[in-house]
């Protein structure tokens, strides 16, 4: 940017020089003056004015371009930030949903484990009851067999005694 201002300062000093030349011409001619000298000074001032106007136009154009570029940059940055914030919100929502699903699955697993444990306990109790029932049946069968043998022995003794 400083380079843009340096020529402007130089042109301003040229303008000062032209004014000094104009003043010197007026002093020399006594005010009635030399028209060609006045024309040269006016032409020099017009040329300087045109140069300054071109420089001003270029600076204004550059300013507009830079402003447009900066506005585009800011707009792009804003859009990028909004896009990233949306992605972050989406990721947070997805994480929240996954945590809820995980919690639901953990609850289902716990319920199924409790059901399995209860069924196993029930199955174990049924097995114990069956085993006790089988043992009782075997004991009763054995008792009946022993009683039958004793009756048979008693009958044999009674038959042997009668004979």
Protein backbone atom coordinates (compact mmCIF):
# COMPACT_ATOMS: atom_id res chain seq x y z
CA UNK A 1 0.00 0.00 0.00
CA UNK A 2 2.81 2.36 0.83
CA UNK A 3 3.96 2.33 -2.78
CA UNK A 4 0.58 3.69 -3.82
CA UNK A 5 0.98 6.61 -1.46
CA UNK A 6 4.57 7.41 -2.41
CA UNK A 7 3.72 8.41 -6.02
CA UNK A 8 0.80 10.42 -4.68
CA UNK A 9 3.20 12.39 -2.48
CA UNK A 10 5.54 12.93 -5.39
CA UNK A 11 2.67 14.18 -7.54
CA UNK A 12 1.62 16.48 -4.76
CA UNK A 13 5.13 17.90 -4.69
CA UNK A 14 4.88 18.33 -8.50
CA UNK A 15 1.66 20.21 -7.91
CA UNK A 16 3.42 22.47 -5.42
CA UNK A 17 6.18 23.02 -7.94
CA UNK A 18 3.58 23.97 -10.59
CA UNK A 19 1.98 26.46 -8.21
CA UNK A 20 5.38 27.98 -7.46
CA UNK A 21 5.98 28.21 -11.21
CA UNK A 22 2.61 29.92 -11.62
CA UNK A 23 3.41 32.37 -8.85
CA UNK A 24 6.87 33.05 -10.30
CA UNK A 25 5.36 33.66 -13.74
CA UNK A 26 2.85 36.08 -12.29
CA UNK A 27 5.62 37.90 -10.41
CA UNK A 28 7.82 38.15 -13.49
CA UNK A 29 5.14 39.40 -15.81
CA UNK A 30 3.78 41.80 -13.31
CA UNK A 31 0.39 40.22 -13.44
CA UNK A 32 -0.30 41.16 -17.05
CA UNK A 33 1.78 38.42 -18.27
CA UNK A 34 3.00 36.10 -20.69
CA UNK A 35 0.06 34.02 -21.93
CA UNK A 36 2.25 31.16 -23.10
CA UNK A 37 3.77 30.81 -19.64
CA UNK A 38 0.25 30.79 -18.14
CA UNK A 39 -0.87 28.24 -20.71
CA UNK A 40 2.10 26.01 -19.86
CA UNK A 41 1.30 26.21 -16.16
CA UNK A 42 -2.40 25.52 -16.78
CA UNK A 43 -1.55 22.66 -19.09
CA UNK A 44 0.88 21.28 -16.49
CA UNK A 45 -1.81 21.59 -13.83
CA UNK A 46 -4.37 19.89 -16.08
CA UNK A 47 -1.93 17.06 -16.81
CA UNK A 48 -1.19 16.70 -13.11
CA UNK A 49 -4.92 16.77 -12.38
CA UNK A 50 -5.56 14.02 -14.94
CA UNK A 51 -2.79 11.89 -13.44
CA UNK A 52 -4.20 12.39 -9.96
CA UNK A 53 -7.71 11.59 -11.21
CA UNK A 54 -6.44 8.36 -12.82
CA UNK A 55 -4.61 7.44 -9.63
CA UNK A 56 -7.75 8.20 -7.60
CA UNK A 57 -9.84 6.06 -9.98
CA UNK A 58 -7.32 3.21 -9.73
CA UNK A 59 -7.29 3.45 -5.93
CA UNK A 60 -11.09 3.48 -5.82
CA UNK A 61 -11.21 0.46 -8.16
CA UNK A 62 -8.64 -1.34 -6.02
CA UNK A 63 -10.60 -0.43 -2.91
CA UNK A 64 -13.83 -1.82 -4.43
CA UNK A 65 -12.04 -5.00 -5.51
CA UNK A 66 -10.47 -5.47 -2.08
CA UNK A 67 -13.78 -4.77 -0.37
CA UNK A 68 -15.58 -7.28 -2.62
CA UNK A 69 -12.82 -9.82 -2.06
CA UNK A 70 -12.93 -9.30 1.70
CA UNK A 71 -16.74 -9.55 1.75
CA UNK A 72 -16.52 -12.79 -0.25
CA UNK A 73 -13.89 -14.09 2.15
CA UNK A 74 -16.04 -13.19 5.18
CA UNK A 75 -19.12 -14.77 3.59
CA UNK A 76 -17.17 -17.96 2.80
CA UNK A 77 -15.80 -18.06 6.35
CA UNK A 78 -19.30 -17.62 7.77
CA UNK A 79 -20.69 -20.39 5.55
CA UNK A 80 -17.81 -22.67 6.53
CA UNK A 81 -18.35 -21.93 10.23
CA UNK A 82 -22.10 -22.60 9.89
CA UNK A 83 -21.40 -25.84 8.02
CA UNK A 84 -18.95 -26.96 10.72
CA UNK A 85 -21.41 -26.04 13.48
CA UNK A 86 -24.14 -28.05 11.72
CA UNK A 87 -21.78 -31.02 11.38
CA UNK A 88 -20.92 -30.70 15.08
CA UNK A 89 -24.61 -30.59 16.05
CA UNK A 90 -25.32 -33.59 13.82
CA UNK A 91 -22.41 -35.52 15.36
CA UNK A 92 -23.59 -34.62 18.88
CA UNK A 93 -27.14 -35.75 18.04
CA UNK A 94 -25.85 -38.99 16.54
CA UNK A 95 -23.71 -39.61 19.62
CA UNK A 96 -26.70 -38.93 21.86
CA UNK A 97 -28.84 -41.37 19.85
CA UNK A 98 -26.11 -44.01 20.01
CA UNK A 99 -25.83 -43.58 23.79
CA UNK A 100 -29.60 -43.97 24.13
CA UNK A 101 -29.54 -47.12 21.95
CA UNK A 102 -26.61 -48.48 23.95
CA UNK A 103 -28.49 -47.84 27.19
CA UNK A 104 -31.60 -49.56 25.80
CA UNK A 105 -29.53 -52.56 24.69
CA UNK A 106 -27.84 -52.74 28.10
CA UNK A 107 -31.27 -52.72 29.76
CA UNK A 108 -32.51 -55.47 27.44
CA UNK A 109 -29.40 -57.55 28.15
CA UNK A 110 -29.86 -57.11 31.90
CA UNK A 111 -33.54 -58.14 31.65
CA UNK A 112 -32.64 -61.19 29.53
CA UNK A 113 -29.88 -62.16 31.97
CA UNK A 114 -32.36 -61.93 34.85
CA UNK A 115 -34.88 -64.03 32.91
CA UNK A 116 -32.19 -66.58 32.07
CA UNK A 117 -31.07 -66.68 35.69
CA UNK A 118 -34.67 -67.14 36.87
CA UNK A 119 -35.27 -69.87 34.30
CA UNK A 120 -32.03 -71.59 35.33
CA UNK A 121 -33.04 -71.41 38.99
CA UNK A 122 -36.46 -72.79 38.06
CA UNK A 123 -34.86 -75.51 35.97
CA UNK A 124 -32.47 -76.37 38.82
CA UNK A 125 -35.40 -76.54 41.26
CA UNK A 126 -37.37 -78.76 38.87
CA UNK A 127 -34.31 -81.01 38.47
CA UNK A 128 -33.90 -81.22 42.25
CA UNK A 129 -37.62 -82.00 42.65
CA UNK A 130 -37.38 -84.68 39.93
CA UNK A 131 -34.29 -86.15 41.59
CA UNK A 132 -36.01 -86.15 44.99
CA UNK A 133 -39.13 -87.66 43.43
CA UNK A 134 -37.05 -90.34 41.71
CA UNK A 135 -35.20 -91.08 44.94
CA UNK A 136 -38.49 -91.26 46.85
CA UNK A 137 -39.95 -93.56 44.18
CA UNK A 138 -36.84 -95.79 44.31
CA UNK A 139 -37.00 -95.84 48.11
CA UNK A 140 -40.70 -96.72 47.99
CA UNK A 141 -40.04 -99.39 45.36
CA UNK A 142 -37.16 -100.78 47.41
CA UNK A 143 -39.32 -100.72 50.55
CA UNK A 144 -42.12 -102.56 48.72
CA UNK A 145 -39.63 -105.10 47.37
CA UNK A 146 -38.20 -105.68 50.84
CA UNK A 147 -41.71 -105.99 52.28
CA UNK A 148 -42.67 -108.40 49.51
CA UNK A 149 -39.55 -110.49 50.17
CA UNK A 150 -40.29 -110.50 53.89
CA UNK A 151 -43.88 -111.58 53.23
CA UNK A 152 -42.62 -114.29 50.92
CA UNK A 153 -40.15 -115.45 53.55
CA UNK A 154 -42.86 -115.34 56.17
CA UNK A 155 -45.15 -117.36 53.89
CA UNK A 156 -42.41 -119.91 53.25
CA UNK A 157 -41.78 -120.21 56.93
CA UNK A 158 -45.45 -120.59 57.53
CA UNK A 159 -45.67 -123.19 54.78
CA UNK A 160 -42.55 -124.91 56.09
CA UNK A 161 -43.98 -124.90 59.60
CA UNK A 162 -47.21 -126.44 58.44
CA UNK A 163 -45.56 -129.14 56.65
